Amino acid sequence: MKISTKEDYDIAMDRVKKLIDKLGDRVPSQSESKELDNLVDAIVVYENEHYSF
């Protein structure tokens, strides 16, 4: 997954929040874990390219 716009970034962040809320206290399934990994990786790449911390 590649995030190239602020809109894509916002969508990815919203998806991560929804997945985390959905999980609650349970362990994520393999597919949920993979989706979270992919989203977070894409978010980090976008942030590294567009923001300086």
Protein backbone atom coordinates (compact mmCIF):
# COMPACT_ATOMS: atom_id res chain seq x y z
CA MET A 1 0.00 0.00 0.00
CA LYS A 2 1.22 3.48 -0.85
CA ILE A 3 -0.19 6.68 0.58
CA SER A 4 0.41 9.62 -1.71
CA THR A 5 -2.11 12.25 -0.59
CA LYS A 6 -3.28 13.76 2.69
CA GLU A 7 -6.73 12.32 1.94
CA ASP A 8 -5.27 8.79 1.62
CA TYR A 9 -3.37 9.39 4.86
CA ASP A 10 -6.55 10.42 6.69
CA ILE A 11 -8.40 7.37 5.33
CA ALA A 12 -5.59 5.06 6.48
CA MET A 13 -5.49 6.65 9.94
CA ASP A 14 -9.26 6.29 10.25
CA ARG A 15 -9.06 2.63 9.20
CA VAL A 16 -6.37 1.92 11.81
CA LYS A 17 -8.47 3.57 14.52
CA LYS A 18 -11.55 1.55 13.52
CA LEU A 19 -9.59 -1.72 13.51
CA ILE A 20 -8.13 -1.02 16.94
CA ASP A 21 -11.55 -0.09 18.33
CA LYS A 22 -13.03 -3.27 16.80
CA LEU A 23 -10.35 -5.44 18.38
CA GLY A 24 -10.89 -4.25 21.92
CA ASP A 25 -8.91 -6.61 24.17
CA ARG A 26 -8.74 -9.56 21.80
CA VAL A 27 -5.74 -10.63 19.75
CA PRO A 28 -6.06 -9.71 16.06
CA SER A 29 -6.57 -12.43 13.49
CA GLN A 30 -3.80 -13.04 10.99
CA SER A 31 -5.59 -10.99 8.32
CA GLU A 32 -6.32 -8.13 10.74
CA SER A 33 -2.72 -8.14 11.89
CA LYS A 34 -1.45 -8.05 8.31
CA GLU A 35 -3.83 -5.20 7.43
CA LEU A 36 -2.70 -3.20 10.47
CA ASP A 37 0.97 -3.84 9.63
CA ASN A 38 0.46 -2.67 6.05
CA LEU A 39 -1.49 0.42 7.07
CA VAL A 40 1.01 1.43 9.74
CA ASP A 41 3.97 0.88 7.41
CA ALA A 42 2.34 3.07 4.75
CA ILE A 43 1.50 5.75 7.32
CA VAL A 44 5.09 5.82 8.60
CA VAL A 45 6.48 6.15 5.06
CA TYR A 46 4.08 9.01 4.31
CA GLU A 47 4.93 10.78 7.57
CA ASN A 48 8.66 10.40 6.96
CA GLU A 49 8.26 11.93 3.49
CA HIS A 50 5.96 14.81 4.50
CA TYR A 51 6.62 15.73 8.11
CA SER A 52 9.70 16.51 10.13
CA PHE A 53 9.51 15.61 13.79
